[in-house]
Amino acid sequence: MTPDEYCQDKAARSGSSFYYAFLFLPPERRRAIIALYALCRELDDVVDEVSDPSLARVKLGWWRTQVAAMYQDRPEHPVTRALQPHLQAYGIDQARLEAIIDGMEMDLDQNRYLDWPGLRKYCWHAAGVVGELSAGIFGYHDPATLVYAEKLGLAFQLTNILRDVGDDARRGRIYLPVNDLQQHGVRAADILNGNETEAFRQLMRFEAERTRQLYREAVQALPEADRRAQRPGLLMAAIYYALLEELERDNWQVLHQRISLTPLRKLWLAWSTWVNGGKRLVRRLGQPAA
């Protein structure tokens, strides 16, 4: 199995919505984004699958050495071997990759966030920086596109957090900010014990509106000149925004089940968004489409 095939298999097996966006890219950009995504999956798996925090920290440290070796032209792991040829062409800088690892380590250090600024910082490390790197791979001319990409990454991460409240609670984690819980009269014990109260649903509506606002701000920040190149991000936004709406339609019953879109629906959203250049999504989020 070649390094590219290894990354392709890693991405396909994840079942992530991101994979559908990659299908529409030219071959070279597709190989680059799949290698980047495979690296993110490897890092995420360390935190999700290694139960001993000290061992997980050692493994993340090992990945730091692998990233450093890649920038010294001696990649070892199949993922870094697949990603290394694309570093210069698409501006994939070491500091941003290190920031992703920093985000994984945050999961080892804390399982609660006091307020939105604290959670936003985590979301940037987990997804905002990935959005910036992805924008470089997709291609852009206007630096404002990085603002779009960062906000879109934050919106994706918050959507995932809302979807995974129950799964995270079973791991002893609550990502929703402590002061938001207090404001809505939701006890941490209610979430950890799976009590779907009306107060909990009100909290989820509040968090969903914050997430929608990030989608709006992202779309509004995207320069018209770069919209065509950034279609893969808009494609992912269409899928993730549809997931957010699905969570709402199910009245936020996320504590005992994992709500998701079917692969066929994801593929349809991906294809239709690609064909219309993201205009339909842009209109839905209140930004006039040219």
Protein backbone atom coordinates (compact mmCIF):
# COMPACT_ATOMS: atom_id res chain seq x y z
CA MET A 1 0.00 0.00 0.00
CA THR A 2 1.43 3.36 -1.03
CA PRO A 3 1.32 6.39 1.33
CA ASP A 4 -1.45 7.94 -0.79
CA GLU A 5 -3.45 4.71 -0.66
CA TYR A 6 -2.97 4.55 3.12
CA CYS A 7 -4.40 8.07 3.48
CA GLN A 8 -7.23 7.34 1.06
CA ASP A 9 -8.21 4.29 3.09
CA LYS A 10 -8.00 6.24 6.34
CA ALA A 11 -10.24 8.98 4.98
CA ALA A 12 -12.78 6.63 3.39
CA ARG A 13 -13.13 4.47 6.51
CA SER A 14 -13.81 7.51 8.70
CA GLY A 15 -17.20 8.10 7.06
CA SER A 16 -16.68 11.83 7.62
CA SER A 17 -18.58 14.49 5.71
CA PHE A 18 -15.20 15.95 4.74
CA TYR A 19 -14.50 13.00 2.48
CA TYR A 20 -17.36 13.94 0.16
CA ALA A 21 -15.80 17.35 -0.48
CA PHE A 22 -12.53 15.77 -1.55
CA LEU A 23 -14.14 13.77 -4.35
CA PHE A 24 -14.64 16.85 -6.54
CA LEU A 25 -11.09 18.21 -6.39
CA PRO A 26 -8.38 17.88 -9.07
CA PRO A 27 -6.06 14.90 -8.35
CA GLU A 28 -3.10 16.82 -6.87
CA ARG A 29 -5.20 18.94 -4.53
CA ARG A 30 -7.24 15.87 -3.62
CA ARG A 31 -4.13 13.94 -2.61
CA ALA A 32 -2.97 16.89 -0.50
CA ILE A 33 -6.24 17.40 1.38
CA ILE A 34 -6.71 13.67 1.95
CA ALA A 35 -3.18 13.45 3.41
CA LEU A 36 -3.90 16.42 5.69
CA TYR A 37 -7.20 14.89 6.76
CA ALA A 38 -5.53 11.52 7.41
CA LEU A 39 -3.01 13.24 9.69
CA CYS A 40 -5.86 14.87 11.62
CA ARG A 41 -7.54 11.48 11.95
CA GLU A 42 -4.35 9.90 13.28
CA LEU A 43 -4.04 12.63 15.92
CA ASP A 44 -7.72 12.44 16.84
CA ASP A 45 -7.52 8.66 17.21
CA VAL A 46 -4.77 9.05 19.81
CA VAL A 47 -7.10 11.03 22.07
CA ASP A 48 -10.21 8.95 21.35
CA GLU A 49 -8.70 5.46 21.52
CA VAL A 50 -5.87 5.67 24.07
CA SER A 51 -7.47 5.51 27.52
CA ASP A 52 -4.28 6.32 29.48
CA PRO A 53 -3.68 10.11 29.24
CA SER A 54 0.05 9.74 29.90
CA LEU A 55 0.39 7.24 27.05
CA ALA A 56 -1.71 9.48 24.77
CA ARG A 57 0.62 12.37 25.58
CA VAL A 58 3.63 10.25 24.65
CA LYS A 59 1.99 9.30 21.35
CA LEU A 60 1.21 12.93 20.54
CA GLY A 61 4.83 13.77 21.34
CA TRP A 62 5.87 11.09 18.87
CA TRP A 63 3.67 12.70 16.23
CA ARG A 64 5.43 16.01 16.88
CA THR A 65 8.70 14.31 15.97
CA GLN A 66 7.10 12.90 12.82
CA VAL A 67 5.88 16.35 11.75
CA ALA A 68 9.31 17.84 12.43
CA ALA A 69 10.98 15.07 10.42
CA MET A 70 8.64 15.77 7.52
CA TYR A 71 9.86 19.38 7.37
CA GLN A 72 13.44 18.10 7.42
CA ASP A 73 12.77 16.08 4.24
CA ARG A 74 12.85 12.73 6.03
CA PRO A 75 9.21 11.70 6.54
CA GLU A 76 8.73 8.23 8.03
CA HIS A 77 5.02 7.53 8.60
CA PRO A 78 2.83 6.88 5.52
CA VAL A 79 0.76 10.00 6.32
CA THR A 80 3.74 12.35 6.51
CA ARG A 81 5.24 10.71 3.43
CA ALA A 82 2.01 11.44 1.55
CA LEU A 83 1.75 15.02 2.85
CA GLN A 84 5.40 16.08 2.48
CA PRO A 85 5.36 16.65 -1.33
CA HIS A 86 2.55 19.21 -0.91
CA LEU A 87 3.97 21.36 1.89
CA GLN A 88 5.50 24.09 -0.24
CA ALA A 89 2.95 24.12 -3.04
CA TYR A 90 0.02 24.76 -0.72
CA GLY A 91 1.63 26.67 2.13
CA ILE A 92 1.21 23.93 4.74
CA ASP A 93 3.35 25.39 7.50
CA GLN A 94 4.69 23.55 10.52
CA ALA A 95 3.31 26.00 13.08
CA ARG A 96 -0.28 25.28 12.06
CA LEU A 97 0.26 21.52 12.21
CA GLU A 98 1.80 21.95 15.66
CA ALA A 99 -1.28 23.96 16.66
CA ILE A 100 -3.50 20.98 15.78
CA ILE A 101 -1.42 18.76 18.08
CA ASP A 102 -1.74 21.44 20.77
CA GLY A 103 -5.51 21.10 20.43
CA MET A 104 -5.33 17.35 20.90
CA GLU A 105 -3.30 17.91 24.08
CA MET A 106 -5.98 20.29 25.35
CA ASP A 107 -8.33 17.30 25.39
CA LEU A 108 -5.90 15.56 27.75
CA ASP A 109 -5.62 18.58 30.04
CA GLN A 110 -9.26 19.57 30.51
CA ASN A 111 -12.77 18.30 29.92
CA ARG A 112 -14.74 21.49 30.69
CA TYR A 113 -14.60 25.06 29.40
CA LEU A 114 -15.68 28.00 31.53
CA ASP A 115 -16.89 30.28 28.75
CA TRP A 116 -17.14 30.77 24.99
CA PRO A 117 -13.70 32.41 24.60
CA GLY A 118 -12.13 29.33 26.18
CA LEU A 119 -14.12 26.94 24.00
CA ARG A 120 -13.44 29.08 20.93
CA LYS A 121 -9.70 28.72 21.53
CA TYR A 122 -10.07 24.94 21.66
CA CYS A 123 -12.23 24.95 18.51
CA TRP A 124 -9.59 26.97 16.67
CA HIS A 125 -6.91 24.43 17.52
CA ALA A 126 -9.20 21.51 16.65
CA ALA A 127 -10.75 22.87 13.47
CA GLY A 128 -10.17 26.56 12.76
CA VAL A 129 -6.53 26.00 11.90
CA VAL A 130 -7.51 23.01 9.76
CA GLY A 131 -9.86 25.31 7.86
CA GLU A 132 -6.99 27.71 7.19
CA LEU A 133 -4.75 24.91 5.93
CA SER A 134 -7.56 23.53 3.78
CA ALA A 135 -8.15 26.94 2.21
CA GLY A 136 -4.51 26.97 1.12
CA ILE A 137 -4.92 23.60 -0.54
CA PHE A 138 -8.16 24.62 -2.29
CA GLY A 139 -6.50 27.85 -3.47
CA TYR A 140 -7.10 31.53 -2.74
CA HIS A 141 -5.86 35.02 -3.69
CA ASP A 142 -7.47 37.28 -1.10
CA PRO A 143 -6.15 36.93 2.51
CA ALA A 144 -9.71 37.54 3.73
CA THR A 145 -10.42 33.97 2.64
CA LEU A 146 -8.49 32.78 5.68
CA VAL A 147 -11.02 34.58 7.90
CA TYR A 148 -13.79 32.69 6.12
CA ALA A 149 -11.93 29.40 6.50
CA GLU A 150 -11.25 29.89 10.20
CA LYS A 151 -14.87 30.77 11.01
CA LEU A 152 -16.13 27.87 8.94
CA GLY A 153 -13.83 25.51 10.86
CA LEU A 154 -15.20 26.87 14.15
CA ALA A 155 -18.76 26.32 12.91
CA PHE A 156 -17.96 22.72 11.93
CA GLN A 157 -16.42 22.00 15.31
CA LEU A 158 -19.38 23.45 17.19
CA THR A 159 -21.77 21.42 15.03
CA ASN A 160 -19.80 18.30 15.96
CA ILE A 161 -19.92 19.26 19.64
CA LEU A 162 -23.70 19.64 19.53
CA ARG A 163 -24.08 16.30 17.74
CA ASP A 164 -21.77 14.51 20.17
CA VAL A 165 -22.99 15.84 23.53
CA GLY A 166 -24.13 12.36 24.59
CA ASP A 167 -21.03 10.54 23.34
CA ASP A 168 -18.77 13.07 25.04
CA ALA A 169 -20.74 12.84 28.29
CA ARG A 170 -20.18 9.09 28.37
CA ARG A 171 -16.45 9.88 28.30
CA GLY A 172 -16.91 12.34 31.15
CA ARG A 173 -16.59 15.38 28.88
CA ILE A 174 -18.85 18.41 28.53
CA TYR A 175 -17.67 20.90 25.92
CA LEU A 176 -20.62 23.28 26.33
CA PRO A 177 -19.37 26.27 28.36
CA VAL A 178 -20.00 26.16 32.11
CA ASN A 179 -21.43 29.68 32.18
CA ASP A 180 -23.90 28.77 29.40
CA LEU A 181 -25.11 25.81 31.48
CA GLN A 182 -25.54 28.08 34.49
CA GLN A 183 -27.37 30.71 32.44
CA HIS A 184 -29.91 28.13 31.26
CA GLY A 185 -30.25 26.28 34.55
CA VAL A 186 -28.69 23.05 33.30
CA ARG A 187 -26.66 20.98 35.74
CA ALA A 188 -23.62 19.09 34.51
CA ALA A 189 -25.09 16.02 36.23
CA ASP A 190 -28.16 16.22 33.98
CA ILE A 191 -25.96 15.94 30.89
CA LEU A 192 -23.72 13.24 32.35
CA ASN A 193 -26.80 11.23 33.41
CA GLY A 194 -28.62 11.72 30.11
CA ASN A 195 -31.54 13.80 31.45
CA GLU A 196 -33.11 15.53 28.44
CA THR A 197 -34.87 18.42 30.15
CA GLU A 198 -36.54 21.44 28.57
CA ALA A 199 -33.74 23.56 30.03
CA PHE A 200 -31.24 21.37 28.17
CA ARG A 201 -33.11 21.87 24.90
CA GLN A 202 -33.13 25.62 25.46
CA LEU A 203 -29.38 25.48 26.03
CA MET A 204 -28.91 23.57 22.78
CA ARG A 205 -30.99 26.15 20.87
CA PHE A 206 -28.76 28.88 22.27
CA GLU A 207 -25.60 27.05 21.20
CA ALA A 208 -27.12 26.33 17.77
CA GLU A 209 -27.74 30.04 17.17
CA ARG A 210 -24.11 30.78 18.03
CA THR A 211 -23.13 28.12 15.50
CA ARG A 212 -25.42 29.54 12.82
CA GLN A 213 -23.90 32.95 13.36
CA LEU A 214 -20.45 31.52 12.66
CA TYR A 215 -21.73 30.02 9.41
CA ARG A 216 -23.16 33.42 8.46
CA GLU A 217 -19.96 35.26 9.33
CA ALA A 218 -17.91 32.73 7.38
CA VAL A 219 -19.97 33.08 4.20
CA GLN A 220 -20.00 36.87 4.51
CA ALA A 221 -16.20 36.92 4.84
CA LEU A 222 -15.57 34.85 1.70
CA PRO A 223 -14.36 37.11 -1.14
CA GLU A 224 -16.29 36.65 -4.35
CA ALA A 225 -13.03 36.19 -6.26
CA ASP A 226 -12.17 33.06 -4.27
CA ARG A 227 -15.61 31.49 -4.01
CA ARG A 228 -15.17 29.12 -6.93
CA ALA A 229 -11.84 27.79 -5.61
CA GLN A 230 -13.32 27.44 -2.13
CA ARG A 231 -16.30 25.38 -3.26
CA PRO A 232 -15.09 22.33 -1.29
CA GLY A 233 -15.47 24.31 1.93
CA LEU A 234 -18.94 25.48 0.93
CA LEU A 235 -19.77 21.90 0.05
CA MET A 236 -18.81 20.80 3.58
CA ALA A 237 -20.75 23.75 4.99
CA ALA A 238 -23.90 22.57 3.18
CA ILE A 239 -23.55 19.13 4.75
CA TYR A 240 -22.75 20.37 8.23
CA TYR A 241 -25.50 23.01 8.16
CA ALA A 242 -27.98 20.32 7.12
CA LEU A 243 -26.79 18.24 10.08
CA LEU A 244 -27.38 21.19 12.42
CA GLU A 245 -30.93 21.49 11.09
CA GLU A 246 -31.43 17.74 11.53
CA LEU A 247 -30.39 18.00 15.18
CA GLU A 248 -32.96 20.75 15.63
CA ARG A 249 -35.70 18.76 13.88
CA ASP A 250 -35.04 15.88 16.27
CA ASN A 251 -35.53 18.33 19.16
CA TRP A 252 -31.93 17.91 20.36
CA GLN A 253 -32.32 14.27 21.38
CA VAL A 254 -28.56 13.84 21.40
CA LEU A 255 -27.92 12.45 24.86
CA HIS A 256 -28.85 8.86 23.95
CA GLN A 257 -28.25 8.70 20.20
CA ARG A 258 -25.92 10.00 17.51
CA ILE A 259 -27.89 11.79 14.82
CA SER A 260 -26.31 11.80 11.37
CA LEU A 261 -27.09 12.24 7.69
CA THR A 262 -27.20 9.26 5.36
CA PRO A 263 -24.28 8.84 2.91
CA LEU A 264 -26.72 9.32 0.01
CA ARG A 265 -27.94 12.63 1.43
CA LYS A 266 -24.36 13.81 1.98
CA LEU A 267 -23.46 12.90 -1.59
CA TRP A 268 -26.51 14.74 -2.94
CA LEU A 269 -25.70 17.85 -0.89
CA ALA A 270 -22.09 17.67 -2.05
CA TRP A 271 -22.96 17.30 -5.71
CA SER A 272 -25.71 19.95 -5.77
CA THR A 273 -23.53 22.47 -3.91
CA TRP A 274 -20.64 21.83 -6.29
CA VAL A 275 -22.87 22.31 -9.32
CA ASN A 276 -24.43 25.59 -8.12
CA GLY A 277 -21.11 26.90 -6.80
CA GLY A 278 -22.44 27.28 -3.27
CA LYS A 279 -24.92 30.00 -4.32
CA ARG A 280 -27.88 28.25 -2.71
CA LEU A 281 -26.10 28.01 0.63
CA VAL A 282 -24.95 31.62 0.40
CA ARG A 283 -28.54 32.75 -0.18
CA ARG A 284 -29.82 30.67 2.73
CA LEU A 285 -27.35 32.32 5.06
CA GLY A 286 -28.50 35.77 4.05
CA GLN A 287 -25.67 36.87 1.76
CA PRO A 288 -26.79 37.88 -1.77
CA ALA A 289 -25.22 35.58 -4.35
CA ALA A 290 -23.80 37.04 -7.52
